[in-house]
N, C-alpha and C. Protein backbone atom coordinates (compact mmCIF):
# COMPACT_ATOMS: atom_id res chain seq x y z
N MET A 1 0.78 -1.28 -0.07
CA MET A 1 -0.10 0.19 0.18
C MET A 1 0.91 1.37 -0.08
N THR A 2 0.43 2.36 -0.78
CA THR A 2 1.03 3.52 -0.67
C THR A 2 0.11 4.84 -0.68
N GLY A 3 0.64 5.86 -0.22
CA GLY A 3 -0.07 6.79 -0.07
C GLY A 3 -1.14 6.97 0.86
N MET A 4 -2.34 7.23 0.47
CA MET A 4 -3.26 7.67 1.67
C MET A 4 -3.90 6.21 1.91
N ASP A 5 -3.75 5.13 1.03
CA ASP A 5 -4.21 3.62 1.52
C ASP A 5 -3.54 3.15 2.59
N ALA A 6 -2.18 3.51 2.79
CA ALA A 6 -1.25 2.62 3.63
C ALA A 6 -1.60 3.14 5.00
N GLU A 7 -1.40 2.25 5.88
CA GLU A 7 -1.54 2.62 7.47
C GLU A 7 -0.23 3.15 7.85
N ASP A 8 -0.39 4.15 8.51
CA ASP A 8 0.68 4.74 9.34
C ASP A 8 0.72 4.52 11.02
N TRP A 9 1.62 4.98 11.51
CA TRP A 9 1.89 4.92 13.10
C TRP A 9 0.48 5.54 13.80
N ALA A 10 0.21 6.66 13.25
CA ALA A 10 -1.22 7.47 13.53
C ALA A 10 -2.43 6.59 13.81
N ASP A 11 -2.50 5.65 12.76
CA ASP A 11 -3.72 5.10 12.27
C ASP A 11 -3.62 3.82 13.59
N ARG A 12 -2.48 3.39 13.71
CA ARG A 12 -2.41 2.18 14.79
C ARG A 12 -2.47 2.79 16.07
N HIS A 13 -2.00 4.03 16.42
CA HIS A 13 -2.29 4.59 17.83
C HIS A 13 -3.60 5.00 17.91
N VAL A 14 -4.34 5.35 17.02
CA VAL A 14 -5.82 5.73 17.13
C VAL A 14 -6.65 4.55 17.40
N ALA A 15 -6.14 3.31 16.67
CA ALA A 15 -6.95 2.26 16.80
C ALA A 15 -6.65 1.74 18.23
N ARG A 16 -5.59 1.79 18.72
CA ARG A 16 -5.33 1.24 20.07
C ARG A 16 -5.95 2.04 21.26
N TRP A 17 -6.05 3.41 21.05
CA TRP A 17 -6.61 4.24 22.02
C TRP A 17 -7.96 4.52 22.19
N ARG A 18 -8.54 4.29 20.94
CA ARG A 18 -9.94 4.60 20.79
C ARG A 18 -11.07 4.03 21.63
N ASP A 19 -10.70 2.97 22.10
CA ASP A 19 -11.74 2.16 22.91
C ASP A 19 -11.31 2.42 24.56
N HIS A 20 -10.34 3.20 24.73
CA HIS A 20 -9.80 3.29 26.25
C HIS A 20 -10.49 4.65 26.70
N TRP A 21 -11.38 5.28 26.03
CA TRP A 21 -11.86 6.70 26.31
C TRP A 21 -13.44 6.64 26.03
N ILE A 22 -13.74 5.62 26.97
CA ILE A 22 -15.29 5.33 26.91
C ILE A 22 -16.11 6.58 27.73
N ASP A 23 -15.38 7.44 28.65
CA ASP A 23 -16.03 8.29 29.27
C ASP A 23 -15.74 9.71 28.90
N ILE A 24 -14.82 9.76 28.11
CA ILE A 24 -14.06 11.07 27.77
C ILE A 24 -14.23 11.24 26.11
N ALA A 25 -14.81 12.34 25.51
CA ALA A 25 -14.71 12.38 24.10
C ALA A 25 -13.68 12.18 23.40
N PHE A 26 -13.49 11.16 22.25
CA PHE A 26 -12.16 11.05 21.63
C PHE A 26 -12.74 10.98 20.03
N ASP A 27 -12.01 11.85 19.67
CA ASP A 27 -12.17 12.25 18.13
C ASP A 27 -10.94 11.59 17.33
N ASP A 28 -11.19 10.76 16.52
CA ASP A 28 -10.19 9.83 16.03
C ASP A 28 -9.38 10.95 15.00
N ASP A 29 -9.92 11.63 14.55
CA ASP A 29 -9.15 12.77 13.41
C ASP A 29 -8.44 13.78 14.22
N VAL A 30 -8.87 14.21 15.42
CA VAL A 30 -7.98 15.39 16.17
C VAL A 30 -6.64 14.51 16.73
N GLU A 31 -7.18 13.19 17.48
CA GLU A 31 -6.11 12.44 17.63
C GLU A 31 -4.88 12.18 16.67
N ALA A 32 -5.34 11.72 15.52
CA ALA A 32 -4.55 11.52 14.36
C ALA A 32 -3.87 12.73 14.10
N ILE A 33 -4.57 13.77 13.99
CA ILE A 33 -3.67 14.91 13.40
C ILE A 33 -2.48 15.39 14.50
N VAL A 34 -2.79 15.39 15.57
CA VAL A 34 -1.90 15.43 16.53
C VAL A 34 -0.95 14.77 16.62
N VAL A 35 -0.99 13.44 16.65
CA VAL A 35 0.27 12.69 16.77
C VAL A 35 0.89 12.79 15.63
N ARG A 36 0.31 12.94 14.24
CA ARG A 36 1.25 13.12 13.01
C ARG A 36 1.82 14.40 13.23
N MET A 37 1.46 15.61 13.71
CA MET A 37 2.25 16.86 13.67
C MET A 37 3.25 16.50 14.96
N GLU A 38 3.15 15.87 15.82
CA GLU A 38 4.16 15.67 16.97
C GLU A 38 5.25 14.65 16.00
N ARG A 39 4.81 13.81 15.30
CA ARG A 39 6.04 13.09 14.83
C ARG A 39 6.65 13.86 13.88
N LEU A 40 6.20 14.79 12.87
CA LEU A 40 6.78 15.51 11.99
C LEU A 40 7.81 16.51 12.51
N VAL A 41 7.31 17.11 13.62
CA VAL A 41 8.26 18.13 14.37
C VAL A 41 9.30 17.21 14.96
N ARG A 42 9.06 15.86 15.47
CA ARG A 42 10.43 15.05 15.95
C ARG A 42 11.24 14.81 14.55
N HIS A 43 10.75 14.62 13.24
CA HIS A 43 11.51 14.42 12.31
C HIS A 43 12.18 15.64 11.83
N PHE A 44 11.69 16.78 11.94
CA PHE A 44 12.33 17.98 11.70
C PHE A 44 13.36 18.35 12.58
N LYS A 45 13.34 18.32 13.74
CA LYS A 45 14.16 18.41 14.93
C LYS A 45 15.47 17.39 14.61
N ALA A 46 15.44 16.24 14.16
CA ALA A 46 16.26 15.23 14.01
C ALA A 46 17.06 15.74 12.75
N ALA A 47 16.36 16.11 11.72
CA ALA A 47 16.94 16.60 10.53
C ALA A 47 17.77 17.89 10.80
N LYS A 48 17.44 18.66 11.57
CA LYS A 48 18.21 19.97 12.11
C LYS A 48 19.42 19.48 12.83
N GLN A 49 19.27 18.49 13.93
CA GLN A 49 20.27 18.18 14.75
C GLN A 49 21.40 17.38 13.74
N ASP A 50 20.97 16.76 12.48
CA ASP A 50 22.05 16.13 11.83
C ASP A 50 22.71 17.22 11.06
N ALA A 51 22.12 18.26 10.77
CA ALA A 51 22.59 19.26 9.86
C ALA A 51 23.56 20.02 10.72
N LEU A 52 23.49 20.25 12.02
CA LEU A 52 24.40 20.97 12.77
C LEU A 52 25.54 20.05 13.06
N ARG A 53 25.28 18.65 13.34
CA ARG A 53 26.29 17.93 13.50
C ARG A 53 27.55 18.14 12.40
N ALA A 54 26.57 17.79 11.19
CA ALA A 54 27.53 17.96 9.99
C ALA A 54 28.22 19.33 9.55
N VAL A 55 27.81 20.33 10.31
CA VAL A 55 28.60 21.49 9.84
C VAL A 55 29.40 22.10 11.29
N GLY A 56 29.40 21.10 12.64
CA GLY A 56 30.14 21.49 13.71
C GLY A 56 29.34 22.54 14.41
N LEU A 57 28.26 22.51 14.59
CA LEU A 57 27.49 23.78 15.22
C LEU A 57 26.89 22.86 16.34
N GLN A 58 26.76 23.48 17.49
CA GLN A 58 25.85 23.17 18.60
C GLN A 58 24.33 23.96 18.53
N ASP A 59 23.59 23.28 19.23
CA ASP A 59 22.15 24.05 19.11
C ASP A 59 22.21 25.59 19.71
N PHE A 60 23.16 26.09 20.75
CA PHE A 60 22.94 27.30 20.88
C PHE A 60 23.76 28.31 20.09
N GLU A 61 24.78 27.73 19.60
CA GLU A 61 25.37 28.59 18.20
C GLU A 61 24.37 28.89 17.10
N TYR A 62 23.96 27.56 16.92
CA TYR A 62 22.78 27.77 15.80
C TYR A 62 22.00 28.74 15.63
N ALA A 63 21.22 28.62 17.17
CA ALA A 63 20.29 29.64 17.49
C ALA A 63 20.46 30.88 17.48
N THR A 64 21.71 31.03 17.96
CA THR A 64 22.16 32.42 18.02
C THR A 64 22.57 33.17 16.43
N LEU A 65 23.46 32.44 15.61
CA LEU A 65 23.36 32.74 14.61
C LEU A 65 22.33 32.88 13.59
N HIS A 66 21.50 32.17 13.95
CA HIS A 66 20.09 32.12 13.12
C HIS A 66 19.32 33.56 13.48
N LEU A 67 19.30 33.55 14.84
CA LEU A 67 18.49 34.82 14.90
C LEU A 67 19.17 36.13 14.52
N LEU A 68 20.71 36.14 14.50
CA LEU A 68 21.28 37.24 14.04
C LEU A 68 21.05 37.42 12.39
N MET A 69 20.80 36.29 11.95
CA MET A 69 20.79 36.20 10.26
C MET A 69 19.48 36.47 9.85
N ILE A 70 18.54 36.40 10.68
CA ILE A 70 17.00 36.57 9.96
C ILE A 70 16.47 37.94 10.84
N ARG A 71 17.24 38.89 11.09
CA ARG A 71 16.77 40.08 11.71
C ARG A 71 16.77 41.10 10.42
N ASP A 72 16.03 42.05 10.70
CA ASP A 72 15.51 43.26 9.74
C ASP A 72 16.99 43.93 9.35
N THR A 73 17.96 43.60 10.39
CA THR A 73 19.23 43.92 9.62
C THR A 73 20.29 42.75 10.00
N PRO A 74 20.24 41.96 8.75
CA PRO A 74 20.77 40.74 8.79
C PRO A 74 22.12 40.77 9.02
N GLY A 75 22.74 39.93 10.18
CA GLY A 75 23.96 39.58 10.90
C GLY A 75 24.36 40.71 11.90
N HIS A 76 23.79 41.57 12.11
CA HIS A 76 23.83 42.59 13.22
C HIS A 76 22.94 42.82 14.17
N ALA A 77 23.08 43.12 15.79
CA ALA A 77 22.15 43.16 16.54
C ALA A 77 22.97 43.50 17.83
N GLY A 78 22.25 44.43 18.69
CA GLY A 78 22.88 44.41 20.12
C GLY A 78 22.82 43.39 20.74
N PRO A 79 23.63 43.08 21.67
CA PRO A 79 23.53 42.06 22.78
C PRO A 79 22.37 41.80 23.48
N SER A 80 21.74 43.02 23.95
CA SER A 80 20.48 42.94 24.73
C SER A 80 19.38 42.59 23.99
N ALA A 81 19.18 43.24 22.54
CA ALA A 81 18.13 42.78 21.92
C ALA A 81 18.20 41.32 21.53
N LEU A 82 19.35 40.80 21.10
CA LEU A 82 19.62 39.44 20.86
C LEU A 82 19.16 38.47 22.02
N ALA A 83 19.59 38.80 23.08
CA ALA A 83 19.20 38.06 24.42
C ALA A 83 17.67 38.00 24.60
N ALA A 84 17.13 39.31 24.33
CA ALA A 84 15.65 39.15 24.34
C ALA A 84 15.17 38.02 23.38
N ASP A 85 15.52 38.57 22.33
CA ASP A 85 15.01 37.40 21.16
C ASP A 85 15.20 35.89 21.57
N LEU A 86 16.10 35.55 22.07
CA LEU A 86 16.62 34.28 22.18
C LEU A 86 16.14 33.83 23.84
N GLY A 87 15.48 34.95 24.68
CA GLY A 87 14.83 34.43 25.64
C GLY A 87 15.82 34.03 26.79
N ILE A 88 17.01 34.57 26.88
CA ILE A 88 17.94 34.38 27.97
C ILE A 88 18.38 35.80 28.34
N SER A 89 19.14 35.66 29.49
CA SER A 89 19.84 36.83 30.45
C SER A 89 20.88 37.46 29.68
N ASN A 90 21.20 38.55 29.90
CA ASN A 90 22.29 39.06 29.43
C ASN A 90 23.52 38.45 29.77
N ALA A 91 23.60 38.17 31.04
CA ALA A 91 24.92 37.26 31.12
C ALA A 91 24.95 36.12 30.29
N GLY A 92 23.88 35.24 30.28
CA GLY A 92 23.81 33.99 29.29
C GLY A 92 24.31 34.37 27.84
N MET A 93 23.89 35.68 27.51
CA MET A 93 24.14 36.32 26.09
C MET A 93 25.51 36.43 26.13
N SER A 94 26.36 37.05 27.00
CA SER A 94 27.59 37.29 26.99
C SER A 94 28.55 35.83 26.96
N GLY A 95 28.14 34.62 27.70
CA GLY A 95 28.70 33.51 27.51
C GLY A 95 28.80 32.95 26.06
N ARG A 96 27.46 33.18 25.54
CA ARG A 96 27.05 32.40 24.08
C ARG A 96 28.04 33.47 23.06
N LEU A 97 28.27 34.79 23.22
CA LEU A 97 29.06 35.43 22.46
C LEU A 97 30.36 35.34 22.40
N GLU A 98 31.03 34.90 23.77
CA GLU A 98 32.26 34.47 23.82
C GLU A 98 32.70 33.24 23.04
N ALA A 99 31.68 32.08 23.20
CA ALA A 99 31.98 31.09 22.43
C ALA A 99 31.97 31.33 20.90
N LEU A 100 31.07 32.05 20.62
CA LEU A 100 31.01 32.28 19.21
C LEU A 100 32.02 33.15 18.52
N GLU A 101 32.55 34.01 19.39
CA GLU A 101 33.55 34.84 18.96
C GLU A 101 35.09 34.17 18.82
N LYS A 102 35.33 33.30 20.07
CA LYS A 102 36.24 32.42 19.80
C LYS A 102 36.52 31.55 18.67
N ALA A 103 35.18 31.04 18.42
CA ALA A 103 35.01 30.02 17.06
C ALA A 103 35.11 31.08 15.69
N GLY A 104 35.02 32.43 15.95
CA GLY A 104 35.37 33.14 14.72
C GLY A 104 34.12 33.60 13.90
N TRP A 105 32.92 33.01 14.60
CA TRP A 105 31.54 33.37 14.04
C TRP A 105 31.08 34.52 14.09
N VAL A 106 31.43 35.52 15.09
CA VAL A 106 30.85 36.89 15.46
C VAL A 106 31.73 37.64 15.82
N GLN A 107 31.78 38.83 15.79
CA GLN A 107 32.66 39.69 16.34
C GLN A 107 31.89 40.79 17.06
N ARG A 108 32.29 41.58 18.11
CA ARG A 108 31.84 42.62 18.82
C ARG A 108 32.58 43.69 18.28
N ARG A 109 31.71 44.91 18.20
CA ARG A 109 32.39 46.15 17.59
C ARG A 109 31.67 47.26 18.34
N ALA A 110 32.63 48.34 18.54
CA ALA A 110 31.88 49.58 19.21
C ALA A 110 30.78 50.07 17.85
N GLY A 111 29.69 50.47 18.82
CA GLY A 111 28.50 51.04 17.94
C GLY A 111 28.95 52.43 17.43
N ALA A 112 28.43 52.42 15.75
CA ALA A 112 28.91 53.38 15.08
C ALA A 112 28.28 54.62 15.65
N ASP A 113 27.17 54.93 16.30
CA ASP A 113 26.67 56.16 16.76
C ASP A 113 27.08 56.51 18.18
N ASP A 114 27.55 55.30 18.97
CA ASP A 114 27.98 55.66 20.43
C ASP A 114 28.95 54.45 20.63
N ARG A 115 30.15 55.03 20.87
CA ARG A 115 31.25 54.17 21.03
C ARG A 115 31.02 53.08 22.22
N ARG A 116 30.05 53.63 23.11
CA ARG A 116 29.98 52.92 24.41
C ARG A 116 29.26 51.88 24.34
N ARG A 117 28.26 51.49 23.12
CA ARG A 117 27.46 50.49 22.88
C ARG A 117 28.14 49.60 22.01
N VAL A 118 27.91 48.24 22.22
CA VAL A 118 28.46 47.18 21.38
C VAL A 118 27.54 46.46 20.37
N ASP A 119 28.14 46.47 19.33
CA ASP A 119 27.21 45.74 18.35
C ASP A 119 27.63 44.42 17.95
N ILE A 120 26.86 43.38 17.59
CA ILE A 120 27.50 42.21 17.29
C ILE A 120 27.15 41.93 15.89
N GLN A 121 28.13 41.48 15.08
CA GLN A 121 28.02 41.26 13.59
C GLN A 121 28.48 39.81 13.51
N VAL A 122 27.85 39.14 12.58
CA VAL A 122 28.33 37.82 11.91
C VAL A 122 29.49 37.85 11.23
N THR A 123 30.38 37.10 11.44
CA THR A 123 31.52 37.05 10.39
C THR A 123 31.22 36.37 9.02
N GLN A 124 32.03 36.73 8.07
CA GLN A 124 32.00 35.53 7.09
C GLN A 124 31.87 33.97 7.34
N GLY A 125 32.76 33.72 8.34
CA GLY A 125 32.71 32.61 8.63
C GLY A 125 31.61 31.94 9.45
N GLY A 126 30.80 32.69 10.25
CA GLY A 126 29.65 32.59 10.67
C GLY A 126 28.68 32.45 9.83
N MET A 127 28.66 33.29 8.92
CA MET A 127 27.67 33.52 7.82
C MET A 127 27.76 32.27 6.82
N ASP A 128 29.05 31.49 6.49
CA ASP A 128 29.03 30.30 5.97
C ASP A 128 28.55 29.26 6.82
N VAL A 129 28.90 29.12 7.82
CA VAL A 129 28.55 27.72 8.70
C VAL A 129 26.92 27.70 8.90
N TRP A 130 26.68 28.82 8.93
CA TRP A 130 24.92 28.87 9.11
C TRP A 130 24.20 28.54 7.90
N ARG A 131 24.79 29.20 6.73
CA ARG A 131 24.22 28.73 5.44
C ARG A 131 24.31 27.30 5.22
N ARG A 132 25.46 26.83 5.53
CA ARG A 132 25.77 25.38 5.38
C ARG A 132 24.48 24.48 6.01
N ALA A 133 24.50 24.89 7.31
CA ALA A 133 23.54 24.34 8.09
C ALA A 133 21.93 24.44 7.33
N MET A 134 21.76 25.71 7.08
CA MET A 134 20.38 25.94 6.29
C MET A 134 20.31 25.20 5.03
N GLN A 135 21.10 24.84 4.48
CA GLN A 135 21.06 24.15 3.16
C GLN A 135 20.79 22.93 3.56
N LEU A 136 21.32 22.25 4.48
CA LEU A 136 21.13 20.88 4.76
C LEU A 136 19.89 20.70 5.46
N ARG A 137 19.49 21.75 6.45
CA ARG A 137 18.02 21.33 6.91
C ARG A 137 16.97 21.47 5.47
N GLY A 138 17.20 22.76 4.91
CA GLY A 138 16.23 22.69 3.56
C GLY A 138 16.14 21.56 2.52
N ARG A 139 17.40 20.85 2.53
CA ARG A 139 17.18 19.42 1.84
C ARG A 139 16.28 18.56 2.34
N ALA A 140 16.46 18.16 3.75
CA ALA A 140 15.94 17.51 4.41
C ALA A 140 14.08 17.90 4.45
N GLU A 141 13.85 19.10 4.62
CA GLU A 141 12.38 19.71 4.58
C GLU A 141 11.93 19.49 3.10
N GLU A 142 12.53 19.88 2.15
CA GLU A 142 12.15 19.65 0.81
C GLU A 142 11.95 18.25 0.45
N HIS A 143 12.85 17.37 0.93
CA HIS A 143 12.56 16.05 0.76
C HIS A 143 11.27 15.27 1.21
N LEU A 144 10.96 15.81 2.30
CA LEU A 144 9.56 15.50 2.88
C LEU A 144 8.52 16.29 2.32
N VAL A 145 8.46 17.58 2.17
CA VAL A 145 7.18 18.45 1.70
C VAL A 145 7.16 18.15 0.28
N GLY A 146 8.26 17.88 -0.27
CA GLY A 146 8.26 17.60 -1.90
C GLY A 146 7.74 16.39 -2.25
N THR A 147 7.00 15.69 -1.50
CA THR A 147 6.37 14.49 -1.81
C THR A 147 4.94 14.88 -1.91
N LEU A 148 4.68 16.25 -1.47
CA LEU A 148 3.09 16.81 -1.89
C LEU A 148 3.37 17.45 -3.10
N SER A 149 2.27 17.51 -3.71
CA SER A 149 1.95 18.19 -5.06
C SER A 149 1.98 19.70 -4.86
N ALA A 150 2.11 20.53 -5.46
CA ALA A 150 1.73 21.85 -5.21
C ALA A 150 0.85 22.36 -4.80
N GLU A 151 -0.29 21.92 -4.99
CA GLU A 151 -1.69 22.19 -4.63
C GLU A 151 -1.91 21.63 -3.09
N ASP A 152 -1.42 20.45 -2.88
CA ASP A 152 -1.51 19.97 -1.38
C ASP A 152 -0.43 20.69 -0.61
N ARG A 153 0.56 21.40 -1.17
CA ARG A 153 1.47 22.06 -0.01
C ARG A 153 0.81 23.25 0.04
N ALA A 154 -0.20 24.04 -0.78
CA ALA A 154 -0.65 25.21 -0.46
C ALA A 154 -1.97 25.06 0.61
N THR A 155 -2.43 24.05 0.29
CA THR A 155 -3.70 23.59 1.12
C THR A 155 -2.98 23.56 2.59
N LEU A 156 -2.00 22.49 2.80
CA LEU A 156 -1.66 22.36 3.92
C LEU A 156 -1.07 23.54 4.74
N ALA A 157 -0.30 24.46 3.80
CA ALA A 157 0.10 25.67 4.42
C ALA A 157 -0.97 26.72 4.90
N ARG A 158 -2.22 26.41 4.11
CA ARG A 158 -3.25 27.41 4.67
C ARG A 158 -3.99 26.73 5.82
N LEU A 159 -4.10 25.43 5.91
CA LEU A 159 -4.44 24.80 6.96
C LEU A 159 -3.60 25.17 8.37
N LEU A 160 -2.67 25.04 8.17
CA LEU A 160 -1.52 25.06 9.38
C LEU A 160 -1.57 26.44 9.64
N LYS A 161 -1.76 27.49 8.70
CA LYS A 161 -1.87 29.02 9.08
C LYS A 161 -2.88 29.24 9.99
N THR A 162 -4.21 28.59 9.70
CA THR A 162 -5.44 28.83 10.30
C THR A 162 -5.11 28.23 11.82
N LEU A 163 -4.54 26.99 12.07
CA LEU A 163 -4.37 26.64 13.48
C LEU A 163 -3.22 27.34 14.22
N THR A 164 -2.25 27.89 13.30
CA THR A 164 -1.09 29.03 14.00
C THR A 164 -1.80 30.09 14.36
N LEU A 165 -2.85 30.84 13.47
CA LEU A 165 -3.37 31.96 14.00
C LEU A 165 -4.25 31.89 15.20
N THR A 166 -4.91 30.57 15.48
CA THR A 166 -5.68 30.10 16.67
C THR A 166 -4.57 30.25 17.97
N VAL A 167 -3.63 29.69 17.65
CA VAL A 167 -2.55 29.59 18.80
C VAL A 167 -2.26 31.06 19.26
N GLU A 168 -1.93 31.70 18.06
CA GLU A 168 -1.49 33.10 18.32
C GLU A 168 -2.43 33.95 18.87
N SER A 169 -3.58 33.84 18.77
CA SER A 169 -4.67 34.62 19.26
C SER A 169 -5.00 34.05 20.76
N ASP A 170 -4.86 32.90 20.75
CA ASP A 170 -4.97 32.54 22.31
C ASP A 170 -3.55 32.94 23.26
N GLU A 171 -2.73 33.16 22.63
CA GLU A 171 -1.64 33.76 23.48
C GLU A 171 -1.38 35.10 23.90
N ASP A 172 -2.39 35.87 23.25
CA ASP A 172 -2.67 37.35 23.27
C ASP A 172 -3.62 37.73 24.54
């Protein structure tokens, strides 16, 4: 069996659990959707870890470089703004920056407008290692998502956006 006819792990999970919830509402589709999404998230996390290992990055290094590179001013940020984006303390940010600086992936520079201020900049080496990791992640993501037709990808993107907007409105 292939495609929609094949039974997957979620189908077997739902079949096992369906009869355990006699006194609680159990919706097969809701359960199947949630466990499939969890499995896909695990898959993407594993692909990311494989990519990081392949280029020699640790999670915290990648996260910091990634947040630096996807800013409105790619590759540049103040340490406090970067710490806030990462959800860590300024002291924790200092430790990260020291490690990244030692590796040659970022450099600290005096601010252009205020010499007392420090700006963090990604070096060419930092940009290169981040791009290699992104390429590897992208290949893994495209390998999986590429199994869908363009129409199905657009439909899935629209459906996931609906769920994401619900989560975002609940968080406000």
